[in-house]
Amino acid sequence: MYIGFGILFFGPYPLDRDLFERGYLASWNQLPGLQKAYPSQSLSPWRTKDNEIYGVPLSGAVYGIYYNVDLFDKLALDIPQTWQEWYTPAQTCGENDG
């Protein structure tokens, strides 16, 4: 989508990557501070196979997990420390109508 002179809003989709590969978008690899401002994984949707960056994220999101402390205490469940560890309390809570 065209926003204004020299500014485009686009997503990490094949059409947008095609615009870069056809020469309509410039590489941002040499932009000062780019690597410092954005973690590598946040740039990956706009990175080509040749490691060229042609865009940056417009926004981001932070997610969290809430849990019922009283229910965890009642069922003697430990607080999970990894994503994998969430399976046990999820199953236990489900089995106990939690």
PDB file of N, CA and C in Angstrom:
ATOM      1  N   MET A   1       0.839  -1.166   0.000  1.00  0.00           N
ATOM      2  CA  MET A   1       0.000   0.000   0.000  1.00  0.00           C
ATOM      3  C   MET A   1       0.890   1.236   0.000  1.00  0.00           C
ATOM      4  N   TYR A   2       0.584   2.194  -0.834  1.00  0.00           N
ATOM      5  CA  TYR A   2       1.350   3.433  -0.944  1.00  0.00           C
ATOM      6  C   TYR A   2       0.912   4.400   0.144  1.00  0.00           C
ATOM      7  N   ILE A   3       1.843   4.938   0.917  1.00  0.00           N
ATOM      8  CA  ILE A   3       1.534   5.861   2.005  1.00  0.00           C
ATOM      9  C   ILE A   3       1.827   7.298   1.596  1.00  0.00           C
ATOM     10  N   GLY A   4       2.943   7.539   1.014  1.00  0.00           N
ATOM     11  CA  GLY A   4       3.346   8.885   0.629  1.00  0.00           C
ATOM     12  C   GLY A   4       4.601   8.798  -0.202  1.00  0.00           C
ATOM     13  N   PHE A   5       5.134   9.928  -0.557  1.00  0.00           N
ATOM     14  CA  PHE A   5       6.326   9.965  -1.397  1.00  0.00           C
ATOM     15  C   PHE A   5       7.452   9.154  -0.763  1.00  0.00           C
ATOM     16  N   GLY A   6       7.825   8.090  -1.407  1.00  0.00           N
ATOM     17  CA  GLY A   6       8.943   7.271  -0.961  1.00  0.00           C
ATOM     18  C   GLY A   6       8.666   6.372   0.221  1.00  0.00           C
ATOM     19  N   ILE A   7       7.426   6.286   0.682  1.00  0.00           N
ATOM     20  CA  ILE A   7       7.114   5.451   1.846  1.00  0.00           C
ATOM     21  C   ILE A   7       6.059   4.423   1.451  1.00  0.00           C
ATOM     22  N   LEU A   8       6.341   3.171   1.742  1.00  0.00           N
ATOM     23  CA  LEU A   8       5.394   2.081   1.475  1.00  0.00           C
ATOM     24  C   LEU A   8       5.110   1.334   2.762  1.00  0.00           C
ATOM     25  N   PHE A   9       3.903   0.871   2.896  1.00  0.00           N
ATOM     26  CA  PHE A   9       3.540  -0.033   3.976  1.00  0.00           C
ATOM     27  C   PHE A   9       3.265  -1.375   3.326  1.00  0.00           C
ATOM     28  N   PHE A  10       3.994  -2.401   3.714  1.00  0.00           N
ATOM     29  CA  PHE A  10       3.793  -3.711   3.123  1.00  0.00           C
ATOM     30  C   PHE A  10       4.083  -4.781   4.154  1.00  0.00           C
ATOM     31  N   GLY A  11       3.678  -5.969   3.862  1.00  0.00           N
ATOM     32  CA  GLY A  11       3.879  -7.087   4.769  1.00  0.00           C
ATOM     33  C   GLY A  11       4.960  -8.018   4.259  1.00  0.00           C
ATOM     34  N   PRO A  12       5.297  -9.018   5.053  1.00  0.00           N
ATOM     35  CA  PRO A  12       6.330  -9.979   4.661  1.00  0.00           C
ATOM     36  C   PRO A  12       5.761 -11.069   3.762  1.00  0.00           C
ATOM     37  N   TYR A  13       5.286 -10.671   2.608  1.00  0.00           N
ATOM     38  CA  TYR A  13       4.624 -11.603   1.711  1.00  0.00           C
ATOM     39  C   TYR A  13       5.423 -11.744   0.423  1.00  0.00           C
ATOM     40  N   PRO A  14       5.192 -12.801  -0.321  1.00  0.00           N
ATOM     41  CA  PRO A  14       5.937 -13.016  -1.569  1.00  0.00           C
ATOM     42  C   PRO A  14       5.842 -11.835  -2.537  1.00  0.00           C
ATOM     43  N   LEU A  15       4.693 -11.175  -2.608  1.00  0.00           N
ATOM     44  CA  LEU A  15       4.559 -10.030  -3.511  1.00  0.00           C
ATOM     45  C   LEU A  15       5.532  -8.921  -3.129  1.00  0.00           C
ATOM     46  N   ASP A  16       5.643  -8.651  -1.833  1.00  0.00           N
ATOM     47  CA  ASP A  16       6.550  -7.606  -1.375  1.00  0.00           C
ATOM     48  C   ASP A  16       8.011  -7.988  -1.613  1.00  0.00           C
ATOM     49  N   ARG A  17       8.340  -9.248  -1.380  1.00  0.00           N
ATOM     50  CA  ARG A  17       9.705  -9.708  -1.643  1.00  0.00           C
ATOM     51  C   ARG A  17      10.005  -9.602  -3.136  1.00  0.00           C
ATOM     52  N   ASP A  18       9.006  -9.870  -3.959  1.00  0.00           N
ATOM     53  CA  ASP A  18       9.163  -9.739  -5.402  1.00  0.00           C
ATOM     54  C   ASP A  18       9.486  -8.293  -5.791  1.00  0.00           C
ATOM     55  N   LEU A  19       8.868  -7.329  -5.113  1.00  0.00           N
ATOM     56  CA  LEU A  19       9.176  -5.920  -5.391  1.00  0.00           C
ATOM     57  C   LEU A  19      10.651  -5.630  -5.127  1.00  0.00           C
ATOM     58  N   PHE A  20      11.190  -6.212  -4.050  1.00  0.00           N
ATOM     59  CA  PHE A  20      12.613  -6.034  -3.756  1.00  0.00           C
ATOM     60  C   PHE A  20      13.476  -6.711  -4.819  1.00  0.00           C
ATOM     61  N   GLU A  21      13.143  -7.950  -5.128  1.00  0.00           N
ATOM     62  CA  GLU A  21      13.949  -8.708  -6.086  1.00  0.00           C
ATOM     63  C   GLU A  21      13.915  -8.098  -7.489  1.00  0.00           C
ATOM     64  N   ARG A  22      12.847  -7.365  -7.804  1.00  0.00           N
ATOM     65  CA  ARG A  22      12.754  -6.698  -9.104  1.00  0.00           C
ATOM     66  C   ARG A  22      13.388  -5.303  -9.090  1.00  0.00           C
ATOM     67  N   GLY A  23      13.944  -4.912  -7.938  1.00  0.00           N
ATOM     68  CA  GLY A  23      14.671  -3.651  -7.867  1.00  0.00           C
ATOM     69  C   GLY A  23      13.862  -2.431  -7.472  1.00  0.00           C
ATOM     70  N   TYR A  24      12.612  -2.620  -7.050  1.00  0.00           N
ATOM     71  CA  TYR A  24      11.779  -1.479  -6.658  1.00  0.00           C
ATOM     72  C   TYR A  24      12.028  -1.021  -5.224  1.00  0.00           C
ATOM     73  N   LEU A  25      12.634  -1.881  -4.413  1.00  0.00           N
ATOM     74  CA  LEU A  25      12.942  -1.544  -3.028  1.00  0.00           C
ATOM     75  C   LEU A  25      14.436  -1.678  -2.801  1.00  0.00           C
ATOM     76  N   ALA A  26      14.987  -0.806  -1.976  1.00  0.00           N
ATOM     77  CA  ALA A  26      16.420  -0.830  -1.687  1.00  0.00           C
ATOM     78  C   ALA A  26      16.713  -1.730  -0.486  1.00  0.00           C
ATOM     79  N   SER A  27      17.913  -2.237  -0.432  1.00  0.00           N
ATOM     80  CA  SER A  27      18.371  -3.002   0.725  1.00  0.00           C
ATOM     81  C   SER A  27      18.597  -2.042   1.886  1.00  0.00           C
ATOM     82  N   TRP A  28      18.231  -2.487   3.070  1.00  0.00           N
ATOM     83  CA  TRP A  28      18.428  -1.678   4.273  1.00  0.00           C
ATOM     84  C   TRP A  28      19.625  -2.161   5.078  1.00  0.00           C
ATOM     85  N   ASN A  29      20.391  -3.090   4.541  1.00  0.00           N
ATOM     86  CA  ASN A  29      21.500  -3.696   5.284  1.00  0.00           C
ATOM     87  C   ASN A  29      22.501  -2.679   5.813  1.00  0.00           C
ATOM     88  N   GLN A  30      22.746  -1.614   5.081  1.00  0.00           N
ATOM     89  CA  GLN A  30      23.752  -0.630   5.488  1.00  0.00           C
ATOM     90  C   GLN A  30      23.174   0.507   6.331  1.00  0.00           C
ATOM     91  N   LEU A  31      21.890   0.440   6.660  1.00  0.00           N
ATOM     92  CA  LEU A  31      21.262   1.486   7.461  1.00  0.00           C
ATOM     93  C   LEU A  31      21.870   1.489   8.857  1.00  0.00           C
ATOM     94  N   PRO A  32      22.463   2.612   9.280  1.00  0.00           N
ATOM     95  CA  PRO A  32      23.103   2.653  10.602  1.00  0.00           C
ATOM     96  C   PRO A  32      22.110   2.328  11.725  1.00  0.00           C
ATOM     97  N   GLY A  33      22.519   1.464  12.619  1.00  0.00           N
ATOM     98  CA  GLY A  33      21.722   1.125  13.782  1.00  0.00           C
ATOM     99  C   GLY A  33      20.618   0.108  13.555  1.00  0.00           C
ATOM    100  N   LEU A  34      20.454  -0.352  12.326  1.00  0.00           N
ATOM    101  CA  LEU A  34      19.362  -1.284  12.029  1.00  0.00           C
ATOM    102  C   LEU A  34      19.462  -2.555  12.866  1.00  0.00           C
ATOM    103  N   GLN A  35      20.620  -3.173  12.872  1.00  0.00           N
ATOM    104  CA  GLN A  35      20.800  -4.425  13.603  1.00  0.00           C
ATOM    105  C   GLN A  35      20.678  -4.214  15.112  1.00  0.00           C
ATOM    106  N   LYS A  36      21.021  -3.031  15.582  1.00  0.00           N
ATOM    107  CA  LYS A  36      20.941  -2.731  17.004  1.00  0.00           C
ATOM    108  C   LYS A  36      19.495  -2.449  17.427  1.00  0.00           C
ATOM    109  N   ALA A  37      18.731  -1.828  16.539  1.00  0.00           N
ATOM    110  CA  ALA A  37      17.355  -1.446  16.858  1.00  0.00           C
ATOM    111  C   ALA A  37      16.375  -2.606  16.783  1.00  0.00           C
ATOM    112  N   TYR A  38      16.671  -3.598  15.950  1.00  0.00           N
ATOM    113  CA  TYR A  38      15.745  -4.715  15.744  1.00  0.00           C
ATOM    114  C   TYR A  38      16.446  -6.045  15.983  1.00  0.00           C
ATOM    115  N   PRO A  39      15.895  -6.890  16.831  1.00  0.00           N
ATOM    116  CA  PRO A  39      16.465  -8.235  16.991  1.00  0.00           C
ATOM    117  C   PRO A  39      16.407  -8.975  15.652  1.00  0.00           C
ATOM    118  N   SER A  40      17.357  -9.825  15.421  1.00  0.00           N
ATOM    119  CA  SER A  40      17.452 -10.551  14.154  1.00  0.00           C
ATOM    120  C   SER A  40      16.154 -11.263  13.778  1.00  0.00           C
ATOM    121  N   GLN A  41      15.508 -11.918  14.768  1.00  0.00           N
ATOM    122  CA  GLN A  41      14.289 -12.656  14.463  1.00  0.00           C
ATOM    123  C   GLN A  41      13.147 -11.740  14.030  1.00  0.00           C
ATOM    124  N   SER A  42      13.146 -10.483  14.468  1.00  0.00           N
ATOM    125  CA  SER A  42      12.065  -9.583  14.050  1.00  0.00           C
ATOM    126  C   SER A  42      12.265  -9.097  12.619  1.00  0.00           C
ATOM    127  N   LEU A  43      13.478  -9.191  12.109  1.00  0.00           N
ATOM    128  CA  LEU A  43      13.755  -8.795  10.725  1.00  0.00           C
ATOM    129  C   LEU A  43      13.615  -9.946   9.744  1.00  0.00           C
ATOM    130  N   SER A  44      13.562 -11.174  10.244  1.00  0.00           N
ATOM    131  CA  SER A  44      13.558 -12.336   9.351  1.00  0.00           C
ATOM    132  C   SER A  44      12.423 -12.351   8.329  1.00  0.00           C
ATOM    133  N   PRO A  45      11.220 -11.854   8.628  1.00  0.00           N
ATOM    134  CA  PRO A  45      10.187 -11.860   7.578  1.00  0.00           C
ATOM    135  C   PRO A  45      10.536 -10.972   6.381  1.00  0.00           C
ATOM    136  N   TRP A  46      11.440 -10.014   6.582  1.00  0.00           N
ATOM    137  CA  TRP A  46      11.825  -9.101   5.504  1.00  0.00           C
ATOM    138  C   TRP A  46      13.275  -9.337   5.081  1.00  0.00           C
ATOM    139  N   ARG A  47      13.743 -10.558   5.255  1.00  0.00           N
ATOM    140  CA  ARG A  47      15.112 -10.921   4.883  1.00  0.00           C
ATOM    141  C   ARG A  47      15.048 -11.937   3.749  1.00  0.00           C
ATOM    142  N   THR A  48      15.836 -11.694   2.709  1.00  0.00           N
ATOM    143  CA  THR A  48      15.847 -12.603   1.570  1.00  0.00           C
ATOM    144  C   THR A  48      16.783 -13.779   1.819  1.00  0.00           C
ATOM    145  N   LYS A  49      16.787 -14.731   0.902  1.00  0.00           N
ATOM    146  CA  LYS A  49      17.705 -15.877   1.001  1.00  0.00           C
ATOM    147  C   LYS A  49      19.157 -15.416   0.984  1.00  0.00           C
ATOM    148  N   ASP A  50      19.410 -14.259   0.365  1.00  0.00           N
ATOM    149  CA  ASP A  50      20.766 -13.715   0.295  1.00  0.00           C
ATOM    150  C   ASP A  50      21.081 -12.803   1.477  1.00  0.00           C
ATOM    151  N   ASN A  51      20.225 -12.841   2.508  1.00  0.00           N
ATOM    152  CA  ASN A  51      20.418 -12.074   3.733  1.00  0.00           C
ATOM    153  C   ASN A  51      20.249 -10.560   3.536  1.00  0.00           C
ATOM    154  N   GLU A  52      19.526 -10.158   2.508  1.00  0.00           N
ATOM    155  CA  GLU A  52      19.237  -8.742   2.282  1.00  0.00           C
ATOM    156  C   GLU A  52      17.969  -8.367   3.026  1.00  0.00           C
ATOM    157  N   ILE A  53      18.007  -7.264   3.760  1.00  0.00           N
ATOM    158  CA  ILE A  53      16.839  -6.781   4.496  1.00  0.00           C
ATOM    159  C   ILE A  53      16.200  -5.671   3.676  1.00  0.00           C
ATOM    160  N   TYR A  54      14.889  -5.792   3.429  1.00  0.00           N
ATOM    161  CA  TYR A  54      14.209  -4.797   2.599  1.00  0.00           C
ATOM    162  C   TYR A  54      13.047  -4.130   3.313  1.00  0.00           C
ATOM    163  N   GLY A  55      12.879  -4.390   4.604  1.00  0.00           N
ATOM    164  CA  GLY A  55      11.815  -3.761   5.372  1.00  0.00           C
ATOM    165  C   GLY A  55      12.005  -4.024   6.853  1.00  0.00           C
ATOM    166  N   VAL A  56      11.239  -3.319   7.665  1.00  0.00           N
ATOM    167  CA  VAL A  56      11.295  -3.495   9.112  1.00  0.00           C
ATOM    168  C   VAL A  56       9.872  -3.591   9.654  1.00  0.00           C
ATOM    169  N   PRO A  57       9.700  -4.178  10.823  1.00  0.00           N
ATOM    170  CA  PRO A  57       8.364  -4.285  11.403  1.00  0.00           C
ATOM    171  C   PRO A  57       7.805  -2.910  11.773  1.00  0.00           C
ATOM    172  N   LEU A  58       6.516  -2.756  11.578  1.00  0.00           N
ATOM    173  CA  LEU A  58       5.845  -1.511  11.937  1.00  0.00           C
ATOM    174  C   LEU A  58       5.439  -1.526  13.403  1.00  0.00           C
ATOM    175  N   SER A  59       5.052  -2.688  13.886  1.00  0.00           N
ATOM    176  CA  SER A  59       4.632  -2.808  15.276  1.00  0.00           C
ATOM    177  C   SER A  59       4.966  -4.200  15.785  1.00  0.00           C
ATOM    178  N   GLY A  60       4.849  -4.369  17.053  1.00  0.00           N
ATOM    179  CA  GLY A  60       5.113  -5.672  17.651  1.00  0.00           C
ATOM    180  C   GLY A  60       4.103  -5.925  18.756  1.00  0.00           C
ATOM    181  N   ALA A  61       4.159  -7.090  19.311  1.00  0.00           N
ATOM    182  CA  ALA A  61       3.232  -7.439  20.380  1.00  0.00           C
ATOM    183  C   ALA A  61       3.980  -8.212  21.457  1.00  0.00           C
ATOM    184  N   VAL A  62       3.558  -8.025  22.650  1.00  0.00           N
ATOM    185  CA  VAL A  62       4.109  -8.774  23.772  1.00  0.00           C
ATOM    186  C   VAL A  62       2.974  -9.604  24.352  1.00  0.00           C
ATOM    187  N   TYR A  63       3.220 -10.873  24.523  1.00  0.00           N
ATOM    188  CA  TYR A  63       2.210 -11.772  25.035  1.00  0.00           C
ATOM    189  C   TYR A  63       2.618 -12.283  26.408  1.00  0.00           C
ATOM    190  N   GLY A  64       1.664 -12.602  27.200  1.00  0.00           N
ATOM    191  CA  GLY A  64       1.933 -13.159  28.514  1.00  0.00           C
ATOM    192  C   GLY A  64       0.959 -14.280  28.802  1.00  0.00           C
ATOM    193  N   ILE A  65       1.248 -15.010  29.832  1.00  0.00           N
ATOM    194  CA  ILE A  65       0.363 -16.097  30.255  1.00  0.00           C
ATOM    195  C   ILE A  65      -0.075 -15.787  31.679  1.00  0.00           C
ATOM    196  N   TYR A  66      -1.364 -15.864  31.892  1.00  0.00           N
ATOM    197  CA  TYR A  66      -1.925 -15.701  33.218  1.00  0.00           C
ATOM    198  C   TYR A  66      -2.362 -17.070  33.710  1.00  0.00           C
ATOM    199  N   TYR A  67      -2.201 -17.298  34.974  1.00  0.00           N
ATOM    200  CA  TYR A  67      -2.655 -18.568  35.515  1.00  0.00           C
ATOM    201  C   TYR A  67      -3.337 -18.320  36.859  1.00  0.00           C
ATOM    202  N   ASN A  68      -4.184 -19.241  37.250  1.00  0.00           N
ATOM    203  CA  ASN A  68      -4.931 -19.154  38.491  1.00  0.00           C
ATOM    204  C   ASN A  68      -4.061 -19.702  39.621  1.00  0.00           C
ATOM    205  N   VAL A  69      -3.509 -18.806  40.430  1.00  0.00           N
ATOM    206  CA  VAL A  69      -2.602 -19.200  41.499  1.00  0.00           C
ATOM    207  C   VAL A  69      -3.292 -20.147  42.482  1.00  0.00           C
ATOM    208  N   ASP A  70      -4.538 -19.833  42.848  1.00  0.00           N
ATOM    209  CA  ASP A  70      -5.264 -20.688  43.798  1.00  0.00           C
ATOM    210  C   ASP A  70      -5.445 -22.102  43.253  1.00  0.00           C
ATOM    211  N   LEU A  71      -5.759 -22.210  41.960  1.00  0.00           N
ATOM    212  CA  LEU A  71      -5.942 -23.527  41.348  1.00  0.00           C
ATOM    213  C   LEU A  71      -4.617 -24.287  41.298  1.00  0.00           C
ATOM    214  N   PHE A  72      -3.539 -23.611  40.951  1.00  0.00           N
ATOM    215  CA  PHE A  72      -2.226 -24.272  40.922  1.00  0.00           C
ATOM    216  C   PHE A  72      -1.856 -24.759  42.321  1.00  0.00           C
ATOM    217  N   ASP A  73      -2.143 -23.917  43.335  1.00  0.00           N
ATOM    218  CA  ASP A  73      -1.856 -24.336  44.713  1.00  0.00           C
ATOM    219  C   ASP A  73      -2.709 -25.533  45.107  1.00  0.00           C
ATOM    220  N   LYS A  74      -3.996 -25.462  44.783  1.00  0.00           N
ATOM    221  CA  LYS A  74      -4.927 -26.550  45.132  1.00  0.00           C
ATOM    222  C   LYS A  74      -4.497 -27.873  44.508  1.00  0.00           C
ATOM    223  N   LEU A  75      -4.020 -27.828  43.262  1.00  0.00           N
ATOM    224  CA  LEU A  75      -3.621 -29.044  42.553  1.00  0.00           C
ATOM    225  C   LEU A  75      -2.132 -29.359  42.719  1.00  0.00           C
ATOM    226  N   ALA A  76      -1.442 -28.595  43.555  1.00  0.00           N
ATOM    227  CA  ALA A  76      -0.007 -28.773  43.827  1.00  0.00           C
ATOM    228  C   ALA A  76       0.821 -28.767  42.548  1.00  0.00           C
ATOM    229  N   LEU A  77       0.532 -27.802  41.689  1.00  0.00           N
ATOM    230  CA  LEU A  77       1.257 -27.688  40.414  1.00  0.00           C
ATOM    231  C   LEU A  77       2.385 -26.666  40.528  1.00  0.00           C
ATOM    232  N   ASP A  78       3.525 -27.007  39.954  1.00  0.00           N
ATOM    233  CA  ASP A  78       4.639 -26.068  39.882  1.00  0.00           C
ATOM    234  C   ASP A  78       4.395 -25.082  38.751  1.00  0.00           C
ATOM    235  N   ILE A  79       4.943 -23.894  38.889  1.00  0.00           N
ATOM    236  CA  ILE A  79       4.835 -22.898  37.826  1.00  0.00           C
ATOM    237  C   ILE A  79       5.783 -23.303  36.700  1.00  0.00           C
ATOM    238  N   PRO A  80       5.261 -23.511  35.492  1.00  0.00           N
ATOM    239  CA  PRO A  80       6.107 -23.918  34.359  1.00  0.00           C
ATOM    240  C   PRO A  80       7.162 -22.854  34.034  1.00  0.00           C
ATOM    241  N   GLN A  81       8.329 -23.318  33.657  1.00  0.00           N
ATOM    242  CA  GLN A  81       9.422 -22.419  33.288  1.00  0.00           C
ATOM    243  C   GLN A  81       9.709 -22.434  31.786  1.00  0.00           C
ATOM    244  N   THR A  82       9.143 -23.397  31.067  1.00  0.00           N
ATOM    245  CA  THR A  82       9.331 -23.501  29.618  1.00  0.00           C
ATOM    246  C   THR A  82       7.967 -23.757  28.980  1.00  0.00           C
ATOM    247  N   TRP A  83       7.890 -23.544  27.665  1.00  0.00           N
ATOM    248  CA  TRP A  83       6.636 -23.826  26.954  1.00  0.00           C
ATOM    249  C   TRP A  83       6.253 -25.293  27.087  1.00  0.00           C
ATOM    250  N   GLN A  84       7.223 -26.177  27.003  1.00  0.00           N
ATOM    251  CA  GLN A  84       6.966 -27.614  27.092  1.00  0.00           C
ATOM    252  C   GLN A  84       6.340 -27.982  28.437  1.00  0.00           C
ATOM    253  N   GLU A  85       6.761 -27.301  29.498  1.00  0.00           N
ATOM    254  CA  GLU A  85       6.270 -27.611  30.834  1.00  0.00           C
ATOM    255  C   GLU A  85       4.810 -27.205  31.039  1.00  0.00           C
ATOM    256  N   TRP A  86       4.219 -26.432  30.138  1.00  0.00           N
ATOM    257  CA  TRP A  86       2.812 -26.029  30.284  1.00  0.00           C
ATOM    258  C   TRP A  86       1.835 -27.166  29.989  1.00  0.00           C
ATOM    259  N   TYR A  87       2.281 -28.208  29.326  1.00  0.00           N
ATOM    260  CA  TYR A  87       1.379 -29.308  28.987  1.00  0.00           C
ATOM    261  C   TYR A  87       0.837 -30.020  30.232  1.00  0.00           C
ATOM    262  N   THR A  88       1.688 -30.263  31.203  1.00  0.00           N
ATOM    263  CA  THR A  88       1.256 -30.993  32.397  1.00  0.00           C
ATOM    264  C   THR A  88       0.176 -30.241  33.176  1.00  0.00           C
ATOM    265  N   PRO A  89       0.388 -28.973  33.546  1.00  0.00           N
ATOM    266  CA  PRO A  89      -0.678 -28.288  34.272  1.00  0.00           C
ATOM    267  C   PRO A  89      -1.939 -28.100  33.430  1.00  0.00           C
ATOM    268  N   ALA A  90      -1.777 -27.911  32.133  1.00  0.00           N
ATOM    269  CA  ALA A  90      -2.959 -27.766  31.273  1.00  0.00           C
ATOM    270  C   ALA A  90      -3.794 -29.038  31.314  1.00  0.00           C
ATOM    271  N   GLN A  91      -3.127 -30.174  31.229  1.00  0.00           N
ATOM    272  CA  GLN A  91      -3.851 -31.451  31.267  1.00  0.00           C
ATOM    273  C   GLN A  91      -4.447 -31.689  32.651  1.00  0.00           C
ATOM    274  N   THR A  92      -3.677 -31.422  33.701  1.00  0.00           N
ATOM    275  CA  THR A  92      -4.160 -31.619  35.073  1.00  0.00           C
ATOM    276  C   THR A  92      -5.359 -30.727  35.377  1.00  0.00           C
ATOM    277  N   CYS A  93      -5.283 -29.460  34.983  1.00  0.00           N
ATOM    278  CA  CYS A  93      -6.407 -28.534  35.208  1.00  0.00           C
ATOM    279  C   CYS A  93      -7.640 -29.005  34.428  1.00  0.00           C
ATOM    280  N   GLY A  94      -7.434 -29.452  33.207  1.00  0.00           N
ATOM    281  CA  GLY A  94      -8.551 -29.939  32.402  1.00  0.00           C
ATOM    282  C   GLY A  94      -9.212 -31.150  33.007  1.00  0.00           C
ATOM    283  N   GLU A  95      -8.422 -32.035  33.561  1.00  0.00           N
ATOM    284  CA  GLU A  95      -8.954 -33.247  34.183  1.00  0.00           C
ATOM    285  C   GLU A  95      -9.680 -32.942  35.483  1.00  0.00           C
ATOM    286  N   ASN A  96      -9.396 -31.778  36.094  1.00  0.00           N
ATOM    287  CA  ASN A  96      -9.998 -31.403  37.363  1.00  0.00           C
ATOM    288  C   ASN A  96     -10.972 -30.234  37.213  1.00  0.00           C
ATOM    289  N   ASP A  97     -11.538 -30.111  36.008  1.00  0.00           N
ATOM    290  CA  ASP A  97     -12.505 -29.046  35.707  1.00  0.00           C
ATOM    291  C   ASP A  97     -11.954 -27.658  36.031  1.00  0.00           C
ATOM    292  N   GLY A  98     -10.657 -27.487  35.785  1.00  0.00           N
ATOM    293  CA  GLY A  98     -10.019 -26.191  36.059  1.00  0.00           C
ATOM    294  C   GLY A  98     -10.145 -25.308  34.892  1.00  0.00           C
TER     295      GLY A  98
END
